[in-house]
């Protein structure tokens, strides 16, 4: 039971996303979902299962295998006053629509002098760890966080999976939502919402005093597990979930570093030019005199993600890597 006797519902990340889509379709006739296999198949990862039967083919639209075409159609629909939710199966396929996202969705409001907002939401699966090999295991959300004119979200919890979509649809700018594939089966109790999800601020998932573990998306469970191991050893780790990758919540990052004086940034993307590099640079710029040790980064190995399970695990950030980085900073 939650506070005041309110019952918490047990669900999965996948089901939470589906309920968010269902709520959006029910509450606003301008909202529709489009993408490859989102209708009859129920979505490549099962997120939209059953929505076609509930809302019909006008609201849940299967598209041809052409990311540039259907993302462009979504941008056009947004310009015409609709509220499209465009699903791209996985982040690697989004590269085929990068021209539409970068040169159209992100720029039209600026190039039109504020006359042409593009209120589109683009969802996609990101991340590795599921033996999908090099072409389907990318973590490219940091690339998109580089682009002005869009908002980039990375829901890592059941609450954010369920409640980030509504404010994203209300945003007049394009919003990209990155759903880590390893999270879809994650389950737990989903408490009733107490307030709208704040898309502008990071979240403290665990308070601590000795070191800050700063991460997002699919790496959050690993950071929390590392914090448990560190606690068993006597070190108190604070875990920061960035949640919104553009714009970054600088204030939350600097406040955490001011409390702990040490930081480990965990990012499943490659280290070179990564979001971890940006966060580390901002800590150096804004919190240099609060640091008692250099900022540590835990990222994926600079190789195409292997298919073989043991090689894939070795290439990705793991709990032991986070704990080792924390030891280097604290010891």
C-alpha atoms as a PDB file:
ATOM      1  CA  UNK A   1       0.000   0.000   0.000  1.00  0.00           C
ATOM      2  CA  UNK A   2       1.177   3.520  -0.755  1.00  0.00           C
ATOM      3  CA  UNK A   3       0.806   6.639   1.356  1.00  0.00           C
ATOM      4  CA  UNK A   4      -2.691   7.179   2.682  1.00  0.00           C
ATOM      5  CA  UNK A   5      -3.656   3.592   1.886  1.00  0.00           C
ATOM      6  CA  UNK A   6      -3.438   4.030  -1.904  1.00  0.00           C
ATOM      7  CA  UNK A   7      -2.624   0.708  -3.535  1.00  0.00           C
ATOM      8  CA  UNK A   8       0.489   0.517  -5.695  1.00  0.00           C
ATOM      9  CA  UNK A   9       0.115  -1.411  -8.954  1.00  0.00           C
ATOM     10  CA  UNK A  10       2.684  -4.000  -9.988  1.00  0.00           C
ATOM     11  CA  UNK A  11       3.726  -3.579 -13.600  1.00  0.00           C
ATOM     12  CA  UNK A  12       6.651  -3.711 -16.011  1.00  0.00           C
ATOM     13  CA  UNK A  13       8.492  -0.951 -17.827  1.00  0.00           C
ATOM     14  CA  UNK A  14       6.929  -2.195 -21.088  1.00  0.00           C
ATOM     15  CA  UNK A  15       3.418  -2.094 -19.629  1.00  0.00           C
ATOM     16  CA  UNK A  16       4.033   1.345 -18.134  1.00  0.00           C
ATOM     17  CA  UNK A  17       5.017   2.674 -21.561  1.00  0.00           C
ATOM     18  CA  UNK A  18       1.947   1.049 -23.103  1.00  0.00           C
ATOM     19  CA  UNK A  19      -0.341   2.642 -20.538  1.00  0.00           C
ATOM     20  CA  UNK A  20       1.263   6.017 -21.212  1.00  0.00           C
ATOM     21  CA  UNK A  21       0.517   5.585 -24.925  1.00  0.00           C
ATOM     22  CA  UNK A  22      -3.035   4.480 -24.171  1.00  0.00           C
ATOM     23  CA  UNK A  23      -3.627   7.516 -21.960  1.00  0.00           C
ATOM     24  CA  UNK A  24      -2.248   9.861 -24.630  1.00  0.00           C
ATOM     25  CA  UNK A  25      -4.464   8.376 -27.345  1.00  0.00           C
ATOM     26  CA  UNK A  26      -7.546   8.532 -25.131  1.00  0.00           C
ATOM     27  CA  UNK A  27      -7.026  12.069 -23.902  1.00  0.00           C
ATOM     28  CA  UNK A  28      -6.273  13.899 -27.166  1.00  0.00           C
ATOM     29  CA  UNK A  29      -7.735  13.162 -30.600  1.00  0.00           C
ATOM     30  CA  UNK A  30      -4.706  14.827 -32.197  1.00  0.00           C
ATOM     31  CA  UNK A  31      -2.400  12.122 -30.898  1.00  0.00           C
ATOM     32  CA  UNK A  32      -1.593   9.139 -33.100  1.00  0.00           C
ATOM     33  CA  UNK A  33       1.130   6.485 -33.087  1.00  0.00           C
ATOM     34  CA  UNK A  34       3.046   5.537 -36.207  1.00  0.00           C
ATOM     35  CA  UNK A  35       6.035   3.351 -36.996  1.00  0.00           C
ATOM     36  CA  UNK A  36       7.196  -0.032 -38.237  1.00  0.00           C
ATOM     37  CA  UNK A  37       5.114  -2.914 -36.841  1.00  0.00           C
ATOM     38  CA  UNK A  38       3.459  -0.787 -34.134  1.00  0.00           C
ATOM     39  CA  UNK A  39      -0.017  -1.994 -35.175  1.00  0.00           C
ATOM     40  CA  UNK A  40      -0.728  -5.615 -36.046  1.00  0.00           C
ATOM     41  CA  UNK A  41       2.529  -6.904 -34.587  1.00  0.00           C
ATOM     42  CA  UNK A  42       2.179  -4.816 -31.424  1.00  0.00           C
ATOM     43  CA  UNK A  43       5.571  -3.161 -31.698  1.00  0.00           C
ATOM     44  CA  UNK A  44       8.987  -4.757 -32.117  1.00  0.00           C
ATOM     45  CA  UNK A  45       9.321  -4.881 -28.306  1.00  0.00           C
ATOM     46  CA  UNK A  46       5.624  -5.373 -27.565  1.00  0.00           C
ATOM     47  CA  UNK A  47       5.019  -1.868 -26.212  1.00  0.00           C
ATOM     48  CA  UNK A  48       2.021  -1.089 -28.428  1.00  0.00           C
ATOM     49  CA  UNK A  49       0.424  -4.537 -28.219  1.00  0.00           C
ATOM     50  CA  UNK A  50      -3.383  -4.248 -28.323  1.00  0.00           C
ATOM     51  CA  UNK A  51      -3.524  -0.542 -29.176  1.00  0.00           C
ATOM     52  CA  UNK A  52      -4.514  -1.134 -32.820  1.00  0.00           C
ATOM     53  CA  UNK A  53      -7.547  -3.160 -31.705  1.00  0.00           C
ATOM     54  CA  UNK A  54      -8.484  -0.461 -29.204  1.00  0.00           C
ATOM     55  CA  UNK A  55      -7.970   2.675 -31.292  1.00  0.00           C
ATOM     56  CA  UNK A  56      -8.065   1.536 -34.911  1.00  0.00           C
ATOM     57  CA  UNK A  57      -5.745   1.986 -37.906  1.00  0.00           C
ATOM     58  CA  UNK A  58      -6.227   5.769 -38.111  1.00  0.00           C
ATOM     59  CA  UNK A  59      -4.675   6.240 -34.667  1.00  0.00           C
ATOM     60  CA  UNK A  60      -2.152   3.367 -34.726  1.00  0.00           C
ATOM     61  CA  UNK A  61      -0.472   3.321 -38.123  1.00  0.00           C
ATOM     62  CA  UNK A  62       1.929   0.752 -39.498  1.00  0.00           C
ATOM     63  CA  UNK A  63       4.435   2.370 -41.843  1.00  0.00           C
ATOM     64  CA  UNK A  64       6.692   1.218 -44.670  1.00  0.00           C
ATOM     65  CA  UNK A  65      10.332   0.421 -43.872  1.00  0.00           C
ATOM     66  CA  UNK A  66      11.519   3.964 -44.551  1.00  0.00           C
ATOM     67  CA  UNK A  67      12.551   5.933 -41.467  1.00  0.00           C
ATOM     68  CA  UNK A  68      13.209   9.125 -43.398  1.00  0.00           C
ATOM     69  CA  UNK A  69       9.723   8.976 -44.934  1.00  0.00           C
ATOM     70  CA  UNK A  70       7.670   8.283 -41.833  1.00  0.00           C
ATOM     71  CA  UNK A  71       9.641  10.599 -39.554  1.00  0.00           C
ATOM     72  CA  UNK A  72       9.193  13.281 -42.210  1.00  0.00           C
ATOM     73  CA  UNK A  73       5.464  12.506 -42.325  1.00  0.00           C
ATOM     74  CA  UNK A  74       5.353  12.874 -38.545  1.00  0.00           C
ATOM     75  CA  UNK A  75       7.064  16.260 -38.745  1.00  0.00           C
ATOM     76  CA  UNK A  76       4.538  17.359 -41.362  1.00  0.00           C
ATOM     77  CA  UNK A  77       1.659  16.188 -39.180  1.00  0.00           C
ATOM     78  CA  UNK A  78       3.063  18.112 -36.213  1.00  0.00           C
ATOM     79  CA  UNK A  79       3.350  21.248 -38.346  1.00  0.00           C
ATOM     80  CA  UNK A  80      -0.303  20.755 -39.300  1.00  0.00           C
ATOM     81  CA  UNK A  81      -1.440  20.693 -35.669  1.00  0.00           C
ATOM     82  CA  UNK A  82      -1.376  16.994 -34.835  1.00  0.00           C
ATOM     83  CA  UNK A  83       0.554  15.410 -31.953  1.00  0.00           C
ATOM     84  CA  UNK A  84       2.319  12.442 -33.533  1.00  0.00           C
ATOM     85  CA  UNK A  85       4.227   9.802 -31.602  1.00  0.00           C
ATOM     86  CA  UNK A  86       6.705   8.249 -34.013  1.00  0.00           C
ATOM     87  CA  UNK A  87       8.337   4.960 -33.027  1.00  0.00           C
ATOM     88  CA  UNK A  88      11.683   4.022 -34.557  1.00  0.00           C
ATOM     89  CA  UNK A  89      12.478   0.398 -33.753  1.00  0.00           C
ATOM     90  CA  UNK A  90      16.030   0.956 -32.548  1.00  0.00           C
ATOM     91  CA  UNK A  91      18.407   3.890 -32.385  1.00  0.00           C
ATOM     92  CA  UNK A  92      20.576   2.567 -35.222  1.00  0.00           C
ATOM     93  CA  UNK A  93      17.621   2.921 -37.608  1.00  0.00           C
ATOM     94  CA  UNK A  94      17.207   6.541 -36.533  1.00  0.00           C
ATOM     95  CA  UNK A  95      20.361   7.337 -38.500  1.00  0.00           C
ATOM     96  CA  UNK A  96      18.279   6.879 -41.639  1.00  0.00           C
ATOM     97  CA  UNK A  97      16.069   9.736 -40.403  1.00  0.00           C
ATOM     98  CA  UNK A  98      18.851  11.920 -39.016  1.00  0.00           C
ATOM     99  CA  UNK A  99      18.409  14.503 -41.782  1.00  0.00           C
ATOM    100  CA  UNK A 100      14.717  14.870 -40.886  1.00  0.00           C
ATOM    101  CA  UNK A 101      15.451  15.154 -37.156  1.00  0.00           C
ATOM    102  CA  UNK A 102      18.443  17.507 -37.394  1.00  0.00           C
ATOM    103  CA  UNK A 103      17.688  19.628 -40.439  1.00  0.00           C
ATOM    104  CA  UNK A 104      13.910  19.839 -40.106  1.00  0.00           C
ATOM    105  CA  UNK A 105      12.458  19.000 -36.695  1.00  0.00           C
ATOM    106  CA  UNK A 106      15.198  20.725 -34.694  1.00  0.00           C
ATOM    107  CA  UNK A 107      15.543  23.822 -36.875  1.00  0.00           C
ATOM    108  CA  UNK A 108      12.143  24.846 -38.247  1.00  0.00           C
ATOM    109  CA  UNK A 109      11.050  26.866 -35.205  1.00  0.00           C
ATOM    110  CA  UNK A 110      14.252  28.907 -35.371  1.00  0.00           C
ATOM    111  CA  UNK A 111      14.294  29.271 -39.169  1.00  0.00           C
ATOM    112  CA  UNK A 112      10.667  30.396 -39.236  1.00  0.00           C
ATOM    113  CA  UNK A 113      11.176  33.081 -36.611  1.00  0.00           C
ATOM    114  CA  UNK A 114       9.032  31.194 -34.098  1.00  0.00           C
ATOM    115  CA  UNK A 115       6.151  30.551 -36.493  1.00  0.00           C
ATOM    116  CA  UNK A 116       6.549  26.796 -36.987  1.00  0.00           C
ATOM    117  CA  UNK A 117       6.801  24.716 -33.817  1.00  0.00           C
ATOM    118  CA  UNK A 118       7.228  20.968 -34.345  1.00  0.00           C
ATOM    119  CA  UNK A 119       5.520  19.193 -31.396  1.00  0.00           C
ATOM    120  CA  UNK A 120       6.548  15.652 -32.320  1.00  0.00           C
ATOM    121  CA  UNK A 121       7.596  12.842 -29.979  1.00  0.00           C
ATOM    122  CA  UNK A 122      10.007  10.275 -31.390  1.00  0.00           C
ATOM    123  CA  UNK A 123      10.519   7.082 -29.366  1.00  0.00           C
ATOM    124  CA  UNK A 124      13.233   4.510 -29.931  1.00  0.00           C
ATOM    125  CA  UNK A 125      14.979   1.640 -28.195  1.00  0.00           C
ATOM    126  CA  UNK A 126      18.631   2.106 -27.357  1.00  0.00           C
ATOM    127  CA  UNK A 127      21.470   0.194 -25.758  1.00  0.00           C
ATOM    128  CA  UNK A 128      23.186  -3.175 -25.743  1.00  0.00           C
ATOM    129  CA  UNK A 129      23.317  -6.212 -23.483  1.00  0.00           C
ATOM    130  CA  UNK A 130      20.874  -8.403 -25.398  1.00  0.00           C
ATOM    131  CA  UNK A 131      23.157 -10.100 -27.955  1.00  0.00           C
ATOM    132  CA  UNK A 132      21.868  -8.117 -30.920  1.00  0.00           C
ATOM    133  CA  UNK A 133      25.368  -7.599 -32.355  1.00  0.00           C
ATOM    134  CA  UNK A 134      27.135  -4.499 -33.587  1.00  0.00           C
ATOM    135  CA  UNK A 135      24.431  -3.001 -35.815  1.00  0.00           C
ATOM    136  CA  UNK A 136      21.627  -3.151 -33.237  1.00  0.00           C
ATOM    137  CA  UNK A 137      23.344  -2.303 -29.955  1.00  0.00           C
ATOM    138  CA  UNK A 138      24.189   1.364 -30.264  1.00  0.00           C
ATOM    139  CA  UNK A 139      23.874   3.985 -27.527  1.00  0.00           C
ATOM    140  CA  UNK A 140      23.663   7.142 -29.623  1.00  0.00           C
ATOM    141  CA  UNK A 141      21.490   9.317 -27.391  1.00  0.00           C
ATOM    142  CA  UNK A 142      24.553  11.438 -26.677  1.00  0.00           C
ATOM    143  CA  UNK A 143      24.692  12.338 -30.367  1.00  0.00           C
ATOM    144  CA  UNK A 144      21.153  13.660 -30.221  1.00  0.00           C
ATOM    145  CA  UNK A 145      21.874  15.504 -26.970  1.00  0.00           C
ATOM    146  CA  UNK A 146      24.384  17.501 -29.043  1.00  0.00           C
ATOM    147  CA  UNK A 147      21.601  19.058 -31.168  1.00  0.00           C
ATOM    148  CA  UNK A 148      19.967  22.376 -30.177  1.00  0.00           C
ATOM    149  CA  UNK A 149      16.230  22.598 -30.713  1.00  0.00           C
ATOM    150  CA  UNK A 150      15.224  19.206 -29.324  1.00  0.00           C
ATOM    151  CA  UNK A 151      14.677  17.711 -25.888  1.00  0.00           C
ATOM    152  CA  UNK A 152      16.220  14.299 -25.163  1.00  0.00           C
ATOM    153  CA  UNK A 153      14.734  12.031 -22.484  1.00  0.00           C
ATOM    154  CA  UNK A 154      15.966   8.727 -21.059  1.00  0.00           C
ATOM    155  CA  UNK A 155      13.358   7.230 -18.699  1.00  0.00           C
ATOM    156  CA  UNK A 156      15.018   4.685 -16.430  1.00  0.00           C
ATOM    157  CA  UNK A 157      12.284   3.930 -13.892  1.00  0.00           C
ATOM    158  CA  UNK A 158       8.728   2.657 -14.032  1.00  0.00           C
ATOM    159  CA  UNK A 159       7.457   6.067 -12.946  1.00  0.00           C
ATOM    160  CA  UNK A 160       9.292   7.893 -15.720  1.00  0.00           C
ATOM    161  CA  UNK A 161       8.286   5.299 -18.316  1.00  0.00           C
ATOM    162  CA  UNK A 162       4.654   5.809 -17.319  1.00  0.00           C
ATOM    163  CA  UNK A 163       4.565   9.564 -16.831  1.00  0.00           C
ATOM    164  CA  UNK A 164       7.184  11.223 -19.085  1.00  0.00           C
ATOM    165  CA  UNK A 165       5.133  10.908 -22.272  1.00  0.00           C
ATOM    166  CA  UNK A 166       2.363  13.360 -21.321  1.00  0.00           C
ATOM    167  CA  UNK A 167       4.657  16.355 -20.664  1.00  0.00           C
ATOM    168  CA  UNK A 168       6.684  15.370 -23.729  1.00  0.00           C
ATOM    169  CA  UNK A 169       3.560  15.658 -25.871  1.00  0.00           C
ATOM    170  CA  UNK A 170       2.794  19.024 -24.291  1.00  0.00           C
ATOM    171  CA  UNK A 171       6.247  20.348 -25.195  1.00  0.00           C
ATOM    172  CA  UNK A 172       6.147  22.615 -28.275  1.00  0.00           C
ATOM    173  CA  UNK A 173       9.579  21.364 -29.344  1.00  0.00           C
ATOM    174  CA  UNK A 174      10.537  17.947 -30.727  1.00  0.00           C
ATOM    175  CA  UNK A 175      11.154  15.394 -27.969  1.00  0.00           C
ATOM    176  CA  UNK A 176      13.204  12.227 -28.392  1.00  0.00           C
ATOM    177  CA  UNK A 177      12.617   9.429 -25.876  1.00  0.00           C
ATOM    178  CA  UNK A 178      15.279   6.725 -25.566  1.00  0.00           C
ATOM    179  CA  UNK A 179      14.071   3.474 -23.983  1.00  0.00           C
ATOM    180  CA  UNK A 180      16.864   1.080 -23.033  1.00  0.00           C
ATOM    181  CA  UNK A 181      15.997  -2.391 -24.261  1.00  0.00           C
ATOM    182  CA  UNK A 182      17.192  -4.063 -21.075  1.00  0.00           C
ATOM    183  CA  UNK A 183      14.533  -2.218 -19.079  1.00  0.00           C
ATOM    184  CA  UNK A 184      11.390  -3.463 -20.821  1.00  0.00           C
ATOM    185  CA  UNK A 185      11.046  -6.523 -18.593  1.00  0.00           C
ATOM    186  CA  UNK A 186      11.925  -4.653 -15.394  1.00  0.00           C
ATOM    187  CA  UNK A 187       9.039  -4.953 -12.947  1.00  0.00           C
ATOM    188  CA  UNK A 188       7.997  -3.406  -9.690  1.00  0.00           C
ATOM    189  CA  UNK A 189       5.367  -1.399  -7.888  1.00  0.00           C
ATOM    190  CA  UNK A 190       4.172   1.720  -9.674  1.00  0.00           C
ATOM    191  CA  UNK A 191       2.814   4.210  -7.138  1.00  0.00           C
ATOM    192  CA  UNK A 192       0.059   6.618  -8.154  1.00  0.00           C
ATOM    193  CA  UNK A 193       1.445   9.944  -9.419  1.00  0.00           C
ATOM    194  CA  UNK A 194       1.735  12.697  -6.847  1.00  0.00           C
ATOM    195  CA  UNK A 195       2.771  15.417  -9.316  1.00  0.00           C
ATOM    196  CA  UNK A 196       3.557  15.741 -13.037  1.00  0.00           C
ATOM    197  CA  UNK A 197       6.986  14.467 -14.037  1.00  0.00           C
ATOM    198  CA  UNK A 198       9.487  17.310 -14.172  1.00  0.00           C
ATOM    199  CA  UNK A 199      11.383  17.087 -17.466  1.00  0.00           C
ATOM    200  CA  UNK A 200      13.826  19.829 -16.500  1.00  0.00           C
ATOM    201  CA  UNK A 201      15.517  18.258 -13.505  1.00  0.00           C
ATOM    202  CA  UNK A 202      17.592  15.194 -12.698  1.00  0.00           C
ATOM    203  CA  UNK A 203      16.516  12.901  -9.863  1.00  0.00           C
ATOM    204  CA  UNK A 204      18.427  11.713  -6.812  1.00  0.00           C
ATOM    205  CA  UNK A 205      17.719   7.968  -6.790  1.00  0.00           C
ATOM    206  CA  UNK A 206      19.851   7.355  -3.701  1.00  0.00           C
ATOM    207  CA  UNK A 207      21.336   9.892  -1.285  1.00  0.00           C
ATOM    208  CA  UNK A 208      24.976   9.652  -0.273  1.00  0.00           C
ATOM    209  CA  UNK A 209      27.899  11.583   1.132  1.00  0.00           C
ATOM    210  CA  UNK A 210      31.130  10.026  -0.182  1.00  0.00           C
ATOM    211  CA  UNK A 211      30.817   9.891  -3.973  1.00  0.00           C
ATOM    212  CA  UNK A 212      28.352  10.775  -6.749  1.00  0.00           C
ATOM    213  CA  UNK A 213      27.443   8.122  -9.325  1.00  0.00           C
ATOM    214  CA  UNK A 214      25.961  10.049 -12.255  1.00  0.00           C
ATOM    215  CA  UNK A 215      24.164   8.066 -14.950  1.00  0.00           C
ATOM    216  CA  UNK A 216      20.946   7.575 -16.928  1.00  0.00           C
ATOM    217  CA  UNK A 217      18.795   4.993 -18.698  1.00  0.00           C
ATOM    218  CA  UNK A 218      19.874   1.370 -18.688  1.00  0.00           C
ATOM    219  CA  UNK A 219      22.929   2.094 -16.548  1.00  0.00           C
ATOM    220  CA  UNK A 220      20.844   3.265 -13.577  1.00  0.00           C
ATOM    221  CA  UNK A 221      20.201  -0.261 -12.186  1.00  0.00           C
ATOM    222  CA  UNK A 222      23.937  -0.965 -12.397  1.00  0.00           C
ATOM    223  CA  UNK A 223      24.769   2.267 -10.578  1.00  0.00           C
ATOM    224  CA  UNK A 224      22.278   1.434  -7.834  1.00  0.00           C
ATOM    225  CA  UNK A 225      23.724  -2.073  -7.499  1.00  0.00           C
ATOM    226  CA  UNK A 226      27.207  -0.570  -7.278  1.00  0.00           C
ATOM    227  CA  UNK A 227      25.975   1.794  -4.572  1.00  0.00           C
ATOM    228  CA  UNK A 228      24.722  -1.233  -2.615  1.00  0.00           C
ATOM    229  CA  UNK A 229      28.138  -2.886  -2.859  1.00  0.00           C
ATOM    230  CA  UNK A 230      29.900   0.309  -1.804  1.00  0.00           C
ATOM    231  CA  UNK A 231      27.528   0.684   1.152  1.00  0.00           C
ATOM    232  CA  UNK A 232      28.431  -2.841   2.289  1.00  0.00           C
ATOM    233  CA  UNK A 233      32.057  -1.700   2.257  1.00  0.00           C
ATOM    234  CA  UNK A 234      31.286   1.452   4.228  1.00  0.00           C
ATOM    235  CA  UNK A 235      31.161   4.031   1.425  1.00  0.00           C
ATOM    236  CA  UNK A 236      28.042   6.146   0.907  1.00  0.00           C
ATOM    237  CA  UNK A 237      27.284   6.692  -2.791  1.00  0.00           C
ATOM    238  CA  UNK A 238      24.748   9.177  -4.121  1.00  0.00           C
ATOM    239  CA  UNK A 239      23.104   8.070  -7.379  1.00  0.00           C
ATOM    240  CA  UNK A 240      21.970  10.776  -9.796  1.00  0.00           C
ATOM    241  CA  UNK A 241      19.631   9.834 -12.654  1.00  0.00           C
ATOM    242  CA  UNK A 242      20.039  12.525 -15.318  1.00  0.00           C
ATOM    243  CA  UNK A 243      16.666  11.583 -16.950  1.00  0.00           C
ATOM    244  CA  UNK A 244      16.846  14.529 -19.365  1.00  0.00           C
ATOM    245  CA  UNK A 245      20.011  14.519 -21.468  1.00  0.00           C
ATOM    246  CA  UNK A 246      19.228  17.775 -23.228  1.00  0.00           C
ATOM    247  CA  UNK A 247      19.052  20.140 -21.513  1.00  0.00           C
ATOM    248  CA  UNK A 248      21.281  18.737 -18.767  1.00  0.00           C
ATOM    249  CA  UNK A 249      20.455  19.696 -15.190  1.00  0.00           C
ATOM    250  CA  UNK A 250      23.765  21.349 -14.299  1.00  0.00           C
ATOM    251  CA  UNK A 251      22.476  22.463 -10.903  1.00  0.00           C
ATOM    252  CA  UNK A 252      21.731  18.888  -9.782  1.00  0.00           C
ATOM    253  CA  UNK A 253      25.155  17.690 -10.889  1.00  0.00           C
ATOM    254  CA  UNK A 254      27.073  20.483  -9.198  1.00  0.00           C
ATOM    255  CA  UNK A 255      25.002  20.228  -6.013  1.00  0.00           C
ATOM    256  CA  UNK A 256      25.743  16.521  -5.747  1.00  0.00           C
ATOM    257  CA  UNK A 257      29.474  17.021  -6.310  1.00  0.00           C
ATOM    258  CA  UNK A 258      29.458  19.770  -3.685  1.00  0.00           C
ATOM    259  CA  UNK A 259      28.072  17.218  -1.196  1.00  0.00           C
ATOM    260  CA  UNK A 260      30.333  14.290  -2.037  1.00  0.00           C
ATOM    261  CA  UNK A 261      33.471  15.890  -3.583  1.00  0.00           C
ATOM    262  CA  UNK A 262      33.950  12.926  -5.923  1.00  0.00           C
ATOM    263  CA  UNK A 263      32.187  11.771  -9.084  1.00  0.00           C
ATOM    264  CA  UNK A 264      31.915   8.735 -11.334  1.00  0.00           C
ATOM    265  CA  UNK A 265      30.016   9.210 -14.603  1.00  0.00           C
ATOM    266  CA  UNK A 266      28.534   6.003 -16.026  1.00  0.00           C
ATOM    267  CA  UNK A 267      27.568   5.989 -19.700  1.00  0.00           C
ATOM    268  CA  UNK A 268      27.004   2.948 -21.931  1.00  0.00           C
ATOM    269  CA  UNK A 269      28.100   4.930 -24.990  1.00  0.00           C
ATOM    270  CA  UNK A 270      31.672   4.934 -26.201  1.00  0.00           C
ATOM    271  CA  UNK A 271      34.009   7.096 -24.129  1.00  0.00           C
ATOM    272  CA  UNK A 272      35.303   9.347 -26.913  1.00  0.00           C
ATOM    273  CA  UNK A 273      32.997  12.327 -27.469  1.00  0.00           C
ATOM    274  CA  UNK A 274      30.409  10.834 -25.138  1.00  0.00           C
ATOM    275  CA  UNK A 275      27.761  12.357 -22.916  1.00  0.00           C
ATOM    276  CA  UNK A 276      30.037  11.257 -20.066  1.00  0.00           C
ATOM    277  CA  UNK A 277      32.710  13.523 -21.524  1.00  0.00           C
ATOM    278  CA  UNK A 278      30.276  16.449 -21.517  1.00  0.00           C
ATOM    279  CA  UNK A 279      29.186  15.837 -17.932  1.00  0.00           C
ATOM    280  CA  UNK A 280      32.816  15.485 -16.839  1.00  0.00           C
ATOM    281  CA  UNK A 281      33.740  18.730 -18.572  1.00  0.00           C
ATOM    282  CA  UNK A 282      30.897  20.579 -16.887  1.00  0.00           C
ATOM    283  CA  UNK A 283      31.977  19.264 -13.490  1.00  0.00           C
ATOM    284  CA  UNK A 284      35.509  20.488 -14.207  1.00  0.00           C
ATOM    285  CA  UNK A 285      34.196  23.894 -15.298  1.00  0.00           C
ATOM    286  CA  UNK A 286      31.678  24.439 -12.528  1.00  0.00           C
ATOM    287  CA  UNK A 287      32.816  22.289  -9.582  1.00  0.00           C
ATOM    288  CA  UNK A 288      36.590  22.074  -9.885  1.00  0.00           C
ATOM    289  CA  UNK A 289      37.284  23.383  -6.385  1.00  0.00           C
ATOM    290  CA  UNK A 290      34.731  20.991  -4.865  1.00  0.00           C
ATOM    291  CA  UNK A 291      36.570  17.945  -6.200  1.00  0.00           C
ATOM    292  CA  UNK A 292      38.878  15.920  -3.983  1.00  0.00           C
ATOM    293  CA  UNK A 293      39.768  13.526  -6.822  1.00  0.00           C
ATOM    294  CA  UNK A 294      39.654  13.489 -10.631  1.00  0.00           C
ATOM    295  CA  UNK A 295      36.317  12.655 -12.231  1.00  0.00           C
ATOM    296  CA  UNK A 296      36.112   8.990 -13.221  1.00  0.00           C
ATOM    297  CA  UNK A 297      34.280   7.746 -16.319  1.00  0.00           C
ATOM    298  CA  UNK A 298      32.914   4.247 -16.898  1.00  0.00           C
ATOM    299  CA  UNK A 299      31.962   3.734 -20.557  1.00  0.00           C
ATOM    300  CA  UNK A 300      31.795   0.970 -23.143  1.00  0.00           C
ATOM    301  CA  UNK A 301      34.948  -0.308 -24.792  1.00  0.00           C
ATOM    302  CA  UNK A 302      35.853   1.492 -28.016  1.00  0.00           C
ATOM    303  CA  UNK A 303      34.848  -1.430 -30.246  1.00  0.00           C
ATOM    304  CA  UNK A 304      31.736  -2.416 -32.181  1.00  0.00           C
ATOM    305  CA  UNK A 305      29.526  -4.174 -29.646  1.00  0.00           C
ATOM    306  CA  UNK A 306      30.305  -7.923 -29.859  1.00  0.00           C
ATOM    307  CA  UNK A 307      27.657 -10.563 -30.404  1.00  0.00           C
ATOM    308  CA  UNK A 308      29.099 -13.271 -28.154  1.00  0.00           C
ATOM    309  CA  UNK A 309      27.626 -12.897 -24.688  1.00  0.00           C
ATOM    310  CA  UNK A 310      30.872 -12.914 -22.707  1.00  0.00           C
ATOM    311  CA  UNK A 311      32.531 -10.497 -25.096  1.00  0.00           C
ATOM    312  CA  UNK A 312      29.488  -8.211 -24.997  1.00  0.00           C
ATOM    313  CA  UNK A 313      29.516  -8.235 -21.207  1.00  0.00           C
ATOM    314  CA  UNK A 314      33.221  -7.426 -21.205  1.00  0.00           C
ATOM    315  CA  UNK A 315      32.679  -4.494 -23.563  1.00  0.00           C
ATOM    316  CA  UNK A 316      29.873  -2.867 -21.550  1.00  0.00           C
ATOM    317  CA  UNK A 317      30.030  -1.047 -18.193  1.00  0.00           C
ATOM    318  CA  UNK A 318      29.334  -3.487 -15.373  1.00  0.00           C
ATOM    319  CA  UNK A 319      28.740  -3.109 -11.650  1.00  0.00           C
ATOM    320  CA  UNK A 320      32.296  -4.200 -10.868  1.00  0.00           C
ATOM    321  CA  UNK A 321      33.657  -1.479 -13.160  1.00  0.00           C
ATOM    322  CA  UNK A 322      31.618   1.183 -11.364  1.00  0.00           C
ATOM    323  CA  UNK A 323      32.756  -0.047  -7.954  1.00  0.00           C
ATOM    324  CA  UNK A 324      36.390  -0.054  -9.112  1.00  0.00           C
ATOM    325  CA  UNK A 325      36.080   3.508 -10.413  1.00  0.00           C
ATOM    326  CA  UNK A 326      34.543   4.593  -7.099  1.00  0.00           C
ATOM    327  CA  UNK A 327      37.445   2.999  -5.251  1.00  0.00           C
ATOM    328  CA  UNK A 328      39.929   4.931  -7.389  1.00  0.00           C
ATOM    329  CA  UNK A 329      38.161   8.182  -6.515  1.00  0.00           C
ATOM    330  CA  UNK A 330      37.639   7.515  -2.815  1.00  0.00           C
ATOM    331  CA  UNK A 331      40.728   5.538  -1.757  1.00  0.00           C
END
